[in-house]
Amino acid sequence: MNCSVKKKPTFIKIDDIKFLSLVSDTVKLQAKAYFKNENDIGGKLATDEIKVIVNGEEMAQVSSEEFKVPANKEFSIPLNVAIPAKKIFEDKKGNILGGLLNSLINNNLKVQFKGDIKYKVLGFSNTYTVDKTKEIKIKF
């Protein structure tokens, strides 16, 4: 069988950015990175360099395992983020109530995923730069 790496997987988009939960002082957010792999073999994707910026402030980095890339198909990988709630809801003076009230009144957060996703297969690697911003609703 002739396995070949014709080209790198195509990065389609970052999408489905959403608020998952607010549990025990932690806000959980998720986005999905969509790809299409037209190769006969898979590979691995790693996402250690993606920063998460909320309302203009860097809050966290995406933490994820390496993902196995399936051969010959479109797929998505989840980008999960856990951020201490006080980091999001404090205002500039460290006043949690002021920042929380502001977020409650607005009921939304501006979330940006910015950084690199690395693809590796058979000693060949490639980097995709991602930068996606979306306003998301908070459900308390």
N, C-alpha and C. Protein backbone atom coordinates (compact mmCIF):
# COMPACT_ATOMS: atom_id res chain seq x y z
N MET A 1 0.84 -1.19 0.00
CA MET A 1 0.00 0.00 0.00
C MET A 1 0.88 1.24 0.00
N ASN A 2 0.52 2.22 -0.77
CA ASN A 2 1.31 3.42 -0.88
C ASN A 2 0.68 4.53 -0.03
N CYS A 3 1.28 4.79 1.13
CA CYS A 3 0.79 5.87 1.98
C CYS A 3 1.55 7.13 1.62
N SER A 4 0.84 8.20 1.42
CA SER A 4 1.56 9.42 1.07
C SER A 4 0.98 10.62 1.80
N VAL A 5 1.82 11.58 2.04
CA VAL A 5 1.39 12.85 2.60
C VAL A 5 1.37 13.82 1.43
N LYS A 6 0.20 13.99 0.83
CA LYS A 6 0.08 14.85 -0.33
C LYS A 6 0.25 16.31 0.07
N LYS A 7 -0.42 16.69 1.13
CA LYS A 7 -0.32 18.07 1.60
C LYS A 7 -0.78 18.13 3.04
N LYS A 8 -0.49 19.27 3.66
CA LYS A 8 -0.88 19.42 5.06
C LYS A 8 -2.41 19.47 5.16
N PRO A 9 -2.95 19.08 6.31
CA PRO A 9 -4.40 19.23 6.48
C PRO A 9 -4.77 20.71 6.34
N THR A 10 -5.95 20.96 5.82
CA THR A 10 -6.42 22.33 5.65
C THR A 10 -7.09 22.79 6.93
N PHE A 11 -6.63 23.92 7.46
CA PHE A 11 -7.31 24.54 8.60
C PHE A 11 -8.50 25.28 8.05
N ILE A 12 -9.70 24.95 8.53
CA ILE A 12 -10.91 25.57 8.00
C ILE A 12 -11.29 26.81 8.81
N LYS A 13 -11.47 26.61 10.12
CA LYS A 13 -11.90 27.75 10.94
C LYS A 13 -11.88 27.39 12.42
N ILE A 14 -11.94 28.42 13.24
CA ILE A 14 -12.23 28.27 14.67
C ILE A 14 -13.69 28.71 14.78
N ASP A 15 -14.51 27.92 15.44
CA ASP A 15 -15.93 28.26 15.53
C ASP A 15 -16.52 27.66 16.79
N ASP A 16 -17.82 27.84 16.94
CA ASP A 16 -18.56 27.27 18.09
C ASP A 16 -17.94 27.70 19.41
N ILE A 17 -17.52 28.95 19.50
CA ILE A 17 -17.00 29.44 20.78
C ILE A 17 -18.21 29.59 21.70
N LYS A 18 -18.13 28.93 22.86
CA LYS A 18 -19.28 29.02 23.74
C LYS A 18 -18.91 28.92 25.21
N PHE A 19 -19.82 29.46 26.02
CA PHE A 19 -19.73 29.39 27.47
C PHE A 19 -20.28 28.03 27.86
N LEU A 20 -19.51 27.23 28.59
CA LEU A 20 -19.98 25.92 29.01
C LEU A 20 -20.60 25.96 30.39
N SER A 21 -19.85 26.54 31.36
CA SER A 21 -20.38 26.54 32.72
C SER A 21 -19.62 27.50 33.61
N LEU A 22 -20.24 27.79 34.76
CA LEU A 22 -19.59 28.53 35.84
C LEU A 22 -19.78 27.64 37.06
N VAL A 23 -18.73 26.88 37.39
CA VAL A 23 -18.82 25.92 38.49
C VAL A 23 -17.66 26.14 39.44
N SER A 24 -17.96 26.17 40.71
CA SER A 24 -16.95 26.37 41.77
C SER A 24 -15.88 27.38 41.37
N ASP A 25 -16.31 28.59 41.08
CA ASP A 25 -15.43 29.73 40.78
C ASP A 25 -14.60 29.56 39.52
N THR A 26 -15.00 28.66 38.63
CA THR A 26 -14.27 28.50 37.38
C THR A 26 -15.23 28.64 36.20
N VAL A 27 -14.84 29.49 35.26
CA VAL A 27 -15.62 29.66 34.04
C VAL A 27 -15.01 28.72 33.00
N LYS A 28 -15.86 27.89 32.39
CA LYS A 28 -15.37 26.98 31.35
C LYS A 28 -15.90 27.44 30.00
N LEU A 29 -14.96 27.57 29.06
CA LEU A 29 -15.29 27.97 27.69
C LEU A 29 -14.77 26.90 26.75
N GLN A 30 -15.35 26.86 25.56
CA GLN A 30 -14.86 25.92 24.56
C GLN A 30 -15.00 26.53 23.18
N ALA A 31 -14.04 26.19 22.32
CA ALA A 31 -14.15 26.52 20.90
C ALA A 31 -13.79 25.24 20.17
N LYS A 32 -14.06 25.20 18.88
CA LYS A 32 -13.64 24.04 18.09
C LYS A 32 -12.82 24.53 16.91
N ALA A 33 -11.74 23.80 16.63
CA ALA A 33 -10.92 24.08 15.47
C ALA A 33 -11.26 23.03 14.42
N TYR A 34 -11.66 23.47 13.24
CA TYR A 34 -12.08 22.57 12.17
C TYR A 34 -10.97 22.42 11.13
N PHE A 35 -10.74 21.18 10.73
CA PHE A 35 -9.71 20.86 9.74
C PHE A 35 -10.26 19.87 8.73
N LYS A 36 -9.56 19.77 7.61
CA LYS A 36 -9.85 18.73 6.62
C LYS A 36 -8.51 18.10 6.26
N ASN A 37 -8.42 16.78 6.42
CA ASN A 37 -7.20 16.06 6.08
C ASN A 37 -7.45 15.21 4.85
N GLU A 38 -6.74 15.50 3.77
CA GLU A 38 -6.93 14.75 2.52
C GLU A 38 -5.84 13.71 2.32
N ASN A 39 -5.04 13.47 3.34
CA ASN A 39 -3.96 12.49 3.24
C ASN A 39 -4.45 11.10 3.62
N ASP A 40 -3.69 10.09 3.14
CA ASP A 40 -4.01 8.70 3.45
C ASP A 40 -3.62 8.34 4.88
N ILE A 41 -2.80 9.19 5.48
CA ILE A 41 -2.40 8.90 6.86
C ILE A 41 -2.73 10.09 7.74
N GLY A 42 -2.83 9.81 9.02
CA GLY A 42 -3.17 10.87 9.97
C GLY A 42 -1.93 11.59 10.43
N GLY A 43 -1.92 11.99 11.66
CA GLY A 43 -0.80 12.72 12.24
C GLY A 43 -1.25 13.16 13.61
N LYS A 44 -0.61 14.18 14.14
CA LYS A 44 -0.99 14.69 15.46
C LYS A 44 -1.05 16.20 15.44
N LEU A 45 -2.01 16.74 16.19
CA LEU A 45 -2.13 18.19 16.36
C LEU A 45 -1.89 18.51 17.83
N ALA A 46 -1.16 19.57 18.09
CA ALA A 46 -0.93 20.02 19.46
C ALA A 46 -1.28 21.51 19.54
N THR A 47 -1.84 21.92 20.68
CA THR A 47 -2.34 23.30 20.80
C THR A 47 -1.80 24.01 22.04
N ASP A 48 -0.51 23.91 22.27
CA ASP A 48 0.00 24.50 23.51
C ASP A 48 0.22 26.00 23.47
N GLU A 49 0.06 26.63 22.33
CA GLU A 49 0.43 28.05 22.23
C GLU A 49 -0.77 28.98 22.07
N ILE A 50 -1.98 28.51 22.30
CA ILE A 50 -3.14 29.37 22.05
C ILE A 50 -3.52 30.13 23.32
N LYS A 51 -3.53 31.46 23.21
CA LYS A 51 -3.93 32.31 24.33
C LYS A 51 -5.43 32.58 24.24
N VAL A 52 -6.06 32.75 25.39
CA VAL A 52 -7.46 33.10 25.44
C VAL A 52 -7.56 34.49 26.06
N ILE A 53 -8.13 35.41 25.30
CA ILE A 53 -8.22 36.80 25.71
C ILE A 53 -9.71 37.11 25.91
N VAL A 54 -10.06 37.57 27.12
CA VAL A 54 -11.46 37.87 27.42
C VAL A 54 -11.57 39.36 27.71
N ASN A 55 -12.48 40.03 27.00
CA ASN A 55 -12.66 41.47 27.15
C ASN A 55 -11.33 42.22 27.10
N GLY A 56 -10.45 41.79 26.20
CA GLY A 56 -9.19 42.50 25.99
C GLY A 56 -8.05 42.11 26.92
N GLU A 57 -8.29 41.24 27.89
CA GLU A 57 -7.24 40.83 28.83
C GLU A 57 -6.89 39.37 28.60
N GLU A 58 -5.59 39.07 28.56
CA GLU A 58 -5.19 37.66 28.43
C GLU A 58 -5.51 36.93 29.74
N MET A 59 -6.28 35.86 29.64
CA MET A 59 -6.76 35.16 30.83
C MET A 59 -6.15 33.78 31.02
N ALA A 60 -5.90 33.08 29.93
CA ALA A 60 -5.50 31.69 30.06
C ALA A 60 -4.88 31.22 28.76
N GLN A 61 -4.39 29.98 28.78
CA GLN A 61 -3.97 29.33 27.55
C GLN A 61 -4.80 28.06 27.41
N VAL A 62 -5.02 27.66 26.17
CA VAL A 62 -5.76 26.43 25.93
C VAL A 62 -4.90 25.28 26.40
N SER A 63 -5.50 24.41 27.18
CA SER A 63 -4.74 23.22 27.58
C SER A 63 -5.40 22.04 26.89
N SER A 64 -4.61 21.27 26.18
CA SER A 64 -5.20 20.11 25.52
C SER A 64 -4.16 19.03 25.33
N GLU A 65 -4.66 17.85 25.11
CA GLU A 65 -3.80 16.73 24.79
C GLU A 65 -3.39 16.88 23.33
N GLU A 66 -2.47 16.04 22.89
CA GLU A 66 -2.23 15.95 21.44
C GLU A 66 -3.42 15.21 20.86
N PHE A 67 -3.87 15.64 19.70
CA PHE A 67 -5.01 14.99 19.06
C PHE A 67 -4.53 14.17 17.88
N LYS A 68 -5.09 12.98 17.74
CA LYS A 68 -4.79 12.17 16.56
C LYS A 68 -5.62 12.70 15.40
N VAL A 69 -4.98 12.86 14.26
CA VAL A 69 -5.66 13.37 13.08
C VAL A 69 -6.12 12.17 12.24
N PRO A 70 -7.42 12.10 11.95
CA PRO A 70 -7.89 10.99 11.11
C PRO A 70 -7.50 11.21 9.65
N ALA A 71 -7.31 10.12 8.92
CA ALA A 71 -6.97 10.20 7.50
C ALA A 71 -8.22 10.46 6.67
N ASN A 72 -8.06 11.21 5.59
CA ASN A 72 -9.12 11.41 4.59
C ASN A 72 -10.47 11.84 5.14
N LYS A 73 -10.50 12.82 6.01
CA LYS A 73 -11.81 13.32 6.43
C LYS A 73 -11.72 14.68 7.09
N GLU A 74 -12.90 15.31 7.24
CA GLU A 74 -12.98 16.56 7.99
C GLU A 74 -13.15 16.18 9.46
N PHE A 75 -12.59 16.99 10.33
CA PHE A 75 -12.71 16.71 11.75
C PHE A 75 -12.57 18.02 12.53
N SER A 76 -12.92 17.97 13.80
CA SER A 76 -12.71 19.14 14.65
C SER A 76 -12.05 18.69 15.94
N ILE A 77 -11.31 19.62 16.55
CA ILE A 77 -10.74 19.33 17.85
C ILE A 77 -11.27 20.37 18.83
N PRO A 78 -11.62 19.94 20.04
CA PRO A 78 -12.12 20.90 21.02
C PRO A 78 -10.96 21.66 21.66
N LEU A 79 -11.16 22.96 21.85
CA LEU A 79 -10.18 23.78 22.56
C LEU A 79 -10.87 24.19 23.86
N ASN A 80 -10.53 23.51 24.94
CA ASN A 80 -11.19 23.75 26.22
C ASN A 80 -10.37 24.68 27.10
N VAL A 81 -11.08 25.57 27.80
CA VAL A 81 -10.41 26.54 28.64
C VAL A 81 -11.12 26.64 29.98
N ALA A 82 -10.35 26.65 31.05
CA ALA A 82 -10.90 26.90 32.39
C ALA A 82 -10.22 28.15 32.92
N ILE A 83 -11.03 29.13 33.30
CA ILE A 83 -10.50 30.41 33.77
C ILE A 83 -11.07 30.69 35.15
N PRO A 84 -10.24 31.09 36.12
CA PRO A 84 -10.79 31.47 37.42
C PRO A 84 -11.79 32.60 37.22
N ALA A 85 -13.00 32.44 37.77
CA ALA A 85 -14.06 33.43 37.55
C ALA A 85 -13.62 34.82 37.98
N LYS A 86 -12.86 34.91 39.08
CA LYS A 86 -12.49 36.25 39.55
C LYS A 86 -11.61 36.97 38.54
N LYS A 87 -10.85 36.24 37.73
CA LYS A 87 -10.03 36.91 36.70
C LYS A 87 -10.92 37.60 35.67
N ILE A 88 -12.05 36.99 35.36
CA ILE A 88 -12.95 37.56 34.36
C ILE A 88 -13.79 38.68 34.96
N PHE A 89 -14.28 38.46 36.18
CA PHE A 89 -15.29 39.37 36.72
C PHE A 89 -14.75 40.51 37.58
N GLU A 90 -13.46 40.50 37.88
CA GLU A 90 -12.91 41.65 38.61
C GLU A 90 -12.81 42.83 37.66
N ASP A 91 -13.06 44.02 38.20
CA ASP A 91 -12.80 45.19 37.36
C ASP A 91 -11.34 45.59 37.57
N LYS A 92 -10.92 46.69 36.97
CA LYS A 92 -9.51 47.07 36.99
C LYS A 92 -8.97 47.27 38.41
N LYS A 93 -9.84 47.64 39.35
CA LYS A 93 -9.38 47.90 40.71
C LYS A 93 -9.43 46.64 41.57
N GLY A 94 -9.73 45.48 40.96
CA GLY A 94 -9.79 44.25 41.75
C GLY A 94 -11.14 44.08 42.43
N ASN A 95 -12.12 44.89 42.02
CA ASN A 95 -13.45 44.82 42.62
C ASN A 95 -14.28 43.78 41.86
N ILE A 96 -14.48 42.63 42.49
CA ILE A 96 -15.23 41.57 41.81
C ILE A 96 -16.66 41.99 41.54
N LEU A 97 -17.29 42.64 42.51
CA LEU A 97 -18.70 43.00 42.35
C LEU A 97 -18.90 43.93 41.15
N GLY A 98 -18.03 44.93 41.00
CA GLY A 98 -18.16 45.86 39.87
C GLY A 98 -18.04 45.15 38.54
N GLY A 99 -17.04 44.28 38.42
CA GLY A 99 -16.84 43.55 37.17
C GLY A 99 -17.96 42.55 36.91
N LEU A 100 -18.42 41.89 37.98
CA LEU A 100 -19.50 40.90 37.86
C LEU A 100 -20.79 41.59 37.43
N LEU A 101 -21.11 42.72 38.07
CA LEU A 101 -22.32 43.46 37.71
C LEU A 101 -22.26 43.90 36.25
N ASN A 102 -21.09 44.38 35.84
CA ASN A 102 -20.92 44.82 34.47
C ASN A 102 -21.18 43.66 33.50
N SER A 103 -20.61 42.47 33.81
CA SER A 103 -20.82 41.31 32.94
C SER A 103 -22.27 40.84 32.98
N LEU A 104 -22.90 40.92 34.17
CA LEU A 104 -24.30 40.51 34.28
C LEU A 104 -25.19 41.43 33.47
N ILE A 105 -24.92 42.74 33.55
CA ILE A 105 -25.73 43.70 32.81
C ILE A 105 -25.56 43.46 31.31
N ASN A 106 -24.31 43.29 30.88
CA ASN A 106 -24.04 43.06 29.46
C ASN A 106 -24.40 41.64 29.05
N ASN A 107 -24.27 40.72 30.01
CA ASN A 107 -24.57 39.30 29.77
C ASN A 107 -23.75 38.70 28.65
N ASN A 108 -22.59 39.30 28.36
CA ASN A 108 -21.75 38.71 27.33
C ASN A 108 -20.28 39.01 27.58
N LEU A 109 -19.46 38.21 26.96
CA LEU A 109 -18.01 38.37 27.04
C LEU A 109 -17.46 38.37 25.62
N LYS A 110 -16.43 39.18 25.41
CA LYS A 110 -15.74 39.14 24.12
C LYS A 110 -14.56 38.19 24.30
N VAL A 111 -14.60 37.06 23.61
CA VAL A 111 -13.57 36.03 23.79
C VAL A 111 -12.76 35.89 22.51
N GLN A 112 -11.44 35.88 22.67
CA GLN A 112 -10.55 35.73 21.52
C GLN A 112 -9.62 34.54 21.74
N PHE A 113 -9.53 33.68 20.74
CA PHE A 113 -8.56 32.58 20.74
C PHE A 113 -7.47 32.99 19.76
N LYS A 114 -6.22 33.07 20.25
CA LYS A 114 -5.14 33.58 19.39
C LYS A 114 -3.88 32.78 19.66
N GLY A 115 -3.28 32.25 18.61
CA GLY A 115 -2.04 31.50 18.78
C GLY A 115 -1.83 30.50 17.67
N ASP A 116 -1.12 29.43 17.99
CA ASP A 116 -0.73 28.45 16.97
C ASP A 116 -1.20 27.04 17.31
N ILE A 117 -1.54 26.30 16.27
CA ILE A 117 -1.79 24.87 16.38
C ILE A 117 -0.71 24.21 15.53
N LYS A 118 -0.04 23.21 16.10
CA LYS A 118 1.05 22.54 15.38
C LYS A 118 0.60 21.17 14.90
N TYR A 119 0.96 20.85 13.66
CA TYR A 119 0.63 19.55 13.07
C TYR A 119 1.92 18.79 12.82
N LYS A 120 1.94 17.52 13.19
CA LYS A 120 3.14 16.70 12.98
C LYS A 120 2.77 15.36 12.36
N VAL A 121 3.56 14.95 11.36
CA VAL A 121 3.41 13.61 10.79
C VAL A 121 4.75 13.22 10.15
N LEU A 122 5.20 12.03 10.45
CA LEU A 122 6.43 11.48 9.84
C LEU A 122 7.59 12.48 9.76
N GLY A 123 7.86 13.16 10.85
CA GLY A 123 8.98 14.09 10.85
C GLY A 123 8.71 15.41 10.15
N PHE A 124 7.53 15.56 9.58
CA PHE A 124 7.15 16.79 8.90
C PHE A 124 6.22 17.56 9.84
N SER A 125 6.42 18.86 9.98
CA SER A 125 5.51 19.60 10.85
C SER A 125 5.09 20.91 10.21
N ASN A 126 3.99 21.43 10.68
CA ASN A 126 3.45 22.66 10.13
C ASN A 126 2.73 23.40 11.24
N THR A 127 2.67 24.72 11.14
CA THR A 127 2.00 25.52 12.15
C THR A 127 0.86 26.31 11.52
N TYR A 128 -0.29 26.30 12.19
CA TYR A 128 -1.43 27.10 11.74
C TYR A 128 -1.61 28.21 12.76
N THR A 129 -1.74 29.44 12.29
CA THR A 129 -1.99 30.55 13.19
C THR A 129 -3.50 30.78 13.27
N VAL A 130 -4.01 30.85 14.48
CA VAL A 130 -5.45 31.07 14.66
C VAL A 130 -5.67 32.39 15.39
N ASP A 131 -6.73 33.07 15.00
CA ASP A 131 -7.10 34.32 15.66
C ASP A 131 -8.59 34.53 15.41
N LYS A 132 -9.40 34.23 16.40
CA LYS A 132 -10.85 34.33 16.23
C LYS A 132 -11.44 35.00 17.47
N THR A 133 -12.27 35.99 17.25
CA THR A 133 -12.92 36.71 18.34
C THR A 133 -14.43 36.57 18.19
N LYS A 134 -15.11 36.36 19.32
CA LYS A 134 -16.56 36.25 19.27
C LYS A 134 -17.16 36.74 20.57
N GLU A 135 -18.30 37.40 20.48
CA GLU A 135 -19.05 37.77 21.67
C GLU A 135 -19.89 36.54 22.06
N ILE A 136 -19.79 36.13 23.32
CA ILE A 136 -20.60 35.00 23.75
C ILE A 136 -21.47 35.39 24.93
N LYS A 137 -22.61 34.73 25.04
CA LYS A 137 -23.54 34.97 26.13
C LYS A 137 -23.14 34.16 27.35
N ILE A 138 -23.29 34.76 28.52
CA ILE A 138 -23.04 34.04 29.75
C ILE A 138 -24.40 33.61 30.30
N LYS A 139 -24.50 32.36 30.72
CA LYS A 139 -25.74 31.88 31.34
C LYS A 139 -25.44 31.58 32.79
N PHE A 140 -26.03 32.38 33.69
CA PHE A 140 -25.81 32.14 35.13
C PHE A 140 -26.90 31.24 35.67
